[in-house]
Amino acid sequence: MSAKDIRRRFRYVALAYVILAITLVGAIAVNQHQQHQIENIQKTILKAAQCPK
């Protein structure tokens, strides 16, 4: 295996890791956003339940 092949393979592996990292960061960000929305909904339900009728 020549140095050129090793460099090419390394480039593809590095690119794959970068894509994986971006995907993970995106998934975590979306998950935290959803968690925030769920907390807001829970607060709204609690406020509605506490309101005297």
Protein backbone atom coordinates (compact mmCIF):
# COMPACT_ATOMS: atom_id res chain seq x y z
CA MET A 1 0.00 0.00 0.00
CA SER A 2 1.51 3.29 -1.07
CA ALA A 3 1.57 6.52 0.94
CA LYS A 4 -0.95 7.99 -1.50
CA ASP A 5 -3.47 5.22 -0.72
CA ILE A 6 -2.95 5.66 3.03
CA ARG A 7 -3.51 9.42 2.75
CA ARG A 8 -6.66 8.92 0.67
CA ARG A 9 -8.05 6.38 3.14
CA PHE A 10 -7.19 8.65 6.09
CA ARG A 11 -9.02 11.54 4.39
CA TYR A 12 -12.18 9.42 4.00
CA VAL A 13 -12.01 8.21 7.61
CA ALA A 14 -11.50 11.78 8.87
CA LEU A 15 -14.46 12.98 6.77
CA ALA A 16 -16.63 10.17 8.15
CA TYR A 17 -15.72 11.15 11.73
CA VAL A 18 -16.49 14.83 11.05
CA ILE A 19 -19.91 13.92 9.62
CA LEU A 20 -20.59 11.65 12.61
CA ALA A 21 -19.61 14.42 15.05
CA ILE A 22 -21.86 16.98 13.32
CA THR A 23 -24.74 14.47 13.33
CA LEU A 24 -24.28 13.79 17.05
CA VAL A 25 -24.11 17.49 17.93
CA GLY A 26 -27.24 18.13 15.87
CA ALA A 27 -29.11 15.25 17.53
CA ILE A 28 -28.14 16.50 21.01
CA ALA A 29 -29.23 20.06 20.17
CA VAL A 30 -32.61 18.85 18.83
CA ASN A 31 -33.08 16.63 21.89
CA GLN A 32 -32.40 19.53 24.28
CA HIS A 33 -34.81 21.76 22.35
CA GLN A 34 -37.53 19.09 22.59
CA GLN A 35 -36.81 18.66 26.30
CA HIS A 36 -37.27 22.43 26.77
CA GLN A 37 -40.60 22.31 24.91
CA ILE A 38 -41.76 19.36 27.05
CA GLU A 39 -40.90 21.31 30.22
CA ASN A 40 -42.89 24.32 28.95
CA ILE A 41 -45.89 22.11 28.19
CA GLN A 42 -45.69 20.55 31.67
CA LYS A 43 -45.59 24.02 33.28
CA THR A 44 -48.62 25.10 31.20
CA ILE A 45 -50.57 21.99 32.25
CA LEU A 46 -49.68 22.58 35.91
CA LYS A 47 -50.79 26.23 35.70
CA ALA A 48 -54.07 25.17 34.05
CA ALA A 49 -54.65 22.58 36.77
CA GLN A 50 -54.04 25.10 39.55
CA CYS A 51 -56.39 27.77 38.16
CA PRO A 52 -59.61 27.95 40.23
CA LYS A 53 -62.74 27.43 38.17
